[in-house]
Amino acid sequence: MGEEKSKFIKALKEFKEKMRQKYGVEEMILFGSQVSGEAGENSDVDLIVVGEGFKDKSPLKRPFDLYLEWAMDYPVDFLCYTPDEFEERRTEISIVSQAIKEGVII
């Protein structure tokens, strides 16, 4: 599992770099069952994605381009925030603050 996880993290880093170049993604955090070790066969990938490019988009439309670019064989759930929204939520009791504590920064 260690080698498989290492390949998975490497693929996420490559995805992040591609999204940085195309869409200005600044930060990405993997969280949830993929990090806690509780992922099952049908578990998805939970990613918080932070970028200035989300500023003028409605929250529901923000992940659209990311879904189009996702090429891994895992279902994915993107939570997309502007840097200001991310900073605001990191101090609240929220999924963002939990992901910062328990997640893996990509």
C-alpha atoms as a PDB file:
ATOM      1  CA  MET A   1       0.000   0.000   0.000  1.00  0.00           C
ATOM      2  CA  GLY A   2       2.888   2.377   0.707  1.00  0.00           C
ATOM      3  CA  GLU A   3       4.127   2.337  -2.889  1.00  0.00           C
ATOM      4  CA  GLU A   4       0.584   2.623  -4.219  1.00  0.00           C
ATOM      5  CA  LYS A   5      -0.102   5.598  -1.946  1.00  0.00           C
ATOM      6  CA  SER A   6       3.155   7.207  -3.058  1.00  0.00           C
ATOM      7  CA  LYS A   7       2.112   6.873  -6.722  1.00  0.00           C
ATOM      8  CA  PHE A   8      -1.309   8.274  -5.860  1.00  0.00           C
ATOM      9  CA  ILE A   9       0.199  11.350  -4.137  1.00  0.00           C
ATOM     10  CA  LYS A  10       2.578  11.849  -7.078  1.00  0.00           C
ATOM     11  CA  ALA A  11      -0.369  11.755  -9.502  1.00  0.00           C
ATOM     12  CA  LEU A  12      -2.215  14.303  -7.348  1.00  0.00           C
ATOM     13  CA  LYS A  13       0.832  16.590  -7.393  1.00  0.00           C
ATOM     14  CA  GLU A  14       0.954  16.358 -11.183  1.00  0.00           C
ATOM     15  CA  PHE A  15      -2.766  17.139 -11.347  1.00  0.00           C
ATOM     16  CA  LYS A  16      -2.284  20.131  -9.050  1.00  0.00           C
ATOM     17  CA  GLU A  17       0.544  21.482 -11.209  1.00  0.00           C
ATOM     18  CA  LYS A  18      -1.571  21.141 -14.339  1.00  0.00           C
ATOM     19  CA  MET A  19      -4.462  22.941 -12.604  1.00  0.00           C
ATOM     20  CA  ARG A  20      -2.087  25.640 -11.372  1.00  0.00           C
ATOM     21  CA  GLN A  21      -0.954  26.324 -14.913  1.00  0.00           C
ATOM     22  CA  LYS A  22      -4.420  26.210 -16.479  1.00  0.00           C
ATOM     23  CA  TYR A  23      -6.649  27.636 -13.747  1.00  0.00           C
ATOM     24  CA  GLY A  24      -4.414  29.305 -11.169  1.00  0.00           C
ATOM     25  CA  VAL A  25      -4.892  26.697  -8.424  1.00  0.00           C
ATOM     26  CA  GLU A  26      -2.715  27.693  -5.466  1.00  0.00           C
ATOM     27  CA  GLU A  27      -3.354  25.022  -2.846  1.00  0.00           C
ATOM     28  CA  MET A  28      -4.768  21.521  -2.731  1.00  0.00           C
ATOM     29  CA  ILE A  29      -5.476  19.369   0.326  1.00  0.00           C
ATOM     30  CA  LEU A  30      -6.381  15.687   0.252  1.00  0.00           C
ATOM     31  CA  PHE A  31      -8.623  14.713   3.158  1.00  0.00           C
ATOM     32  CA  GLY A  32     -11.216  12.173   4.191  1.00  0.00           C
ATOM     33  CA  SER A  33     -11.093   8.403   3.925  1.00  0.00           C
ATOM     34  CA  GLN A  34      -8.124   8.357   1.529  1.00  0.00           C
ATOM     35  CA  VAL A  35      -6.012   9.953   4.275  1.00  0.00           C
ATOM     36  CA  SER A  36      -7.524   8.285   7.330  1.00  0.00           C
ATOM     37  CA  GLY A  37      -6.961   4.821   5.890  1.00  0.00           C
ATOM     38  CA  GLU A  38     -10.671   4.042   5.913  1.00  0.00           C
ATOM     39  CA  ALA A  39     -11.066   4.153   2.126  1.00  0.00           C
ATOM     40  CA  GLY A  40     -12.940   1.240   0.655  1.00  0.00           C
ATOM     41  CA  GLU A  41     -13.225  -0.013  -2.886  1.00  0.00           C
ATOM     42  CA  ASN A  42     -15.888   2.573  -3.742  1.00  0.00           C
ATOM     43  CA  SER A  43     -14.471   5.511  -1.777  1.00  0.00           C
ATOM     44  CA  ASP A  44     -14.017   8.824  -3.498  1.00  0.00           C
ATOM     45  CA  VAL A  45     -11.136  11.276  -3.371  1.00  0.00           C
ATOM     46  CA  ASP A  46     -11.898  14.412  -1.343  1.00  0.00           C
ATOM     47  CA  LEU A  47      -9.915  17.488  -2.358  1.00  0.00           C
ATOM     48  CA  ILE A  48     -10.018  21.077  -1.189  1.00  0.00           C
ATOM     49  CA  VAL A  49      -8.818  23.293  -4.009  1.00  0.00           C
ATOM     50  CA  VAL A  50      -7.891  26.948  -3.480  1.00  0.00           C
ATOM     51  CA  GLY A  51      -7.419  29.468  -6.259  1.00  0.00           C
ATOM     52  CA  GLU A  52      -8.021  33.071  -7.174  1.00  0.00           C
ATOM     53  CA  GLY A  53      -9.687  31.879 -10.392  1.00  0.00           C
ATOM     54  CA  PHE A  54     -12.772  30.832  -8.424  1.00  0.00           C
ATOM     55  CA  LYS A  55     -13.482  34.412  -7.372  1.00  0.00           C
ATOM     56  CA  ASP A  56     -16.087  35.290 -10.001  1.00  0.00           C
ATOM     57  CA  LYS A  57     -17.702  31.852 -10.244  1.00  0.00           C
ATOM     58  CA  SER A  58     -20.635  30.548  -8.267  1.00  0.00           C
ATOM     59  CA  PRO A  59     -19.652  27.794  -5.809  1.00  0.00           C
ATOM     60  CA  LEU A  60     -21.592  25.201  -7.829  1.00  0.00           C
ATOM     61  CA  LYS A  61     -19.745  26.008 -11.078  1.00  0.00           C
ATOM     62  CA  ARG A  62     -16.235  26.231  -9.623  1.00  0.00           C
ATOM     63  CA  PRO A  63     -15.292  22.535  -9.866  1.00  0.00           C
ATOM     64  CA  PHE A  64     -16.604  22.054 -13.423  1.00  0.00           C
ATOM     65  CA  ASP A  65     -13.256  22.483 -15.228  1.00  0.00           C
ATOM     66  CA  LEU A  66     -11.492  20.354 -12.614  1.00  0.00           C
ATOM     67  CA  TYR A  67     -13.905  17.470 -13.211  1.00  0.00           C
ATOM     68  CA  LEU A  68     -13.218  17.708 -16.952  1.00  0.00           C
ATOM     69  CA  GLU A  69      -9.470  17.433 -16.301  1.00  0.00           C
ATOM     70  CA  TRP A  70      -9.684  14.589 -13.745  1.00  0.00           C
ATOM     71  CA  ALA A  71      -8.253  11.429 -15.338  1.00  0.00           C
ATOM     72  CA  MET A  72      -7.718   9.150 -12.334  1.00  0.00           C
ATOM     73  CA  ASP A  73      -9.739   5.978 -11.866  1.00  0.00           C
ATOM     74  CA  TYR A  74     -11.280   7.230  -8.631  1.00  0.00           C
ATOM     75  CA  PRO A  75     -14.438   9.265  -8.166  1.00  0.00           C
ATOM     76  CA  VAL A  76     -13.578  12.713  -6.851  1.00  0.00           C
ATOM     77  CA  ASP A  77     -15.268  15.446  -4.856  1.00  0.00           C
ATOM     78  CA  PHE A  78     -13.806  18.947  -5.216  1.00  0.00           C
ATOM     79  CA  LEU A  79     -14.461  21.677  -2.648  1.00  0.00           C
ATOM     80  CA  CYS A  80     -13.310  24.903  -4.294  1.00  0.00           C
ATOM     81  CA  TYR A  81     -12.534  28.141  -2.448  1.00  0.00           C
ATOM     82  CA  THR A  82     -10.968  31.500  -3.147  1.00  0.00           C
ATOM     83  CA  PRO A  83      -7.941  32.283  -0.959  1.00  0.00           C
ATOM     84  CA  ASP A  84     -10.054  34.683   1.149  1.00  0.00           C
ATOM     85  CA  GLU A  85     -12.789  32.081   1.690  1.00  0.00           C
ATOM     86  CA  PHE A  86     -10.194  29.473   2.599  1.00  0.00           C
ATOM     87  CA  GLU A  87      -8.513  31.758   5.156  1.00  0.00           C
ATOM     88  CA  GLU A  88     -11.885  32.619   6.684  1.00  0.00           C
ATOM     89  CA  ARG A  89     -12.914  28.974   7.018  1.00  0.00           C
ATOM     90  CA  ARG A  90      -9.593  27.719   8.384  1.00  0.00           C
ATOM     91  CA  THR A  91     -10.314  29.345  11.769  1.00  0.00           C
ATOM     92  CA  GLU A  92     -13.937  28.194  11.962  1.00  0.00           C
ATOM     93  CA  ILE A  93     -15.199  24.767  12.927  1.00  0.00           C
ATOM     94  CA  SER A  94     -15.497  23.550   9.368  1.00  0.00           C
ATOM     95  CA  ILE A  95     -14.452  20.909   6.905  1.00  0.00           C
ATOM     96  CA  VAL A  96     -11.574  23.224   5.936  1.00  0.00           C
ATOM     97  CA  SER A  97     -10.151  23.410   9.461  1.00  0.00           C
ATOM     98  CA  GLN A  98     -10.514  19.641   9.834  1.00  0.00           C
ATOM     99  CA  ALA A  99      -8.780  19.044   6.480  1.00  0.00           C
ATOM    100  CA  ILE A 100      -5.911  21.326   7.509  1.00  0.00           C
ATOM    101  CA  LYS A 101      -5.429  19.318  10.722  1.00  0.00           C
ATOM    102  CA  GLU A 102      -5.854  15.831   9.304  1.00  0.00           C
ATOM    103  CA  GLY A 103      -5.275  16.140   5.565  1.00  0.00           C
ATOM    104  CA  VAL A 104      -2.275  15.959   3.274  1.00  0.00           C
ATOM    105  CA  ILE A 105      -1.157  19.142   1.542  1.00  0.00           C
ATOM    106  CA  ILE A 106      -0.498  18.347  -2.100  1.00  0.00           C
END
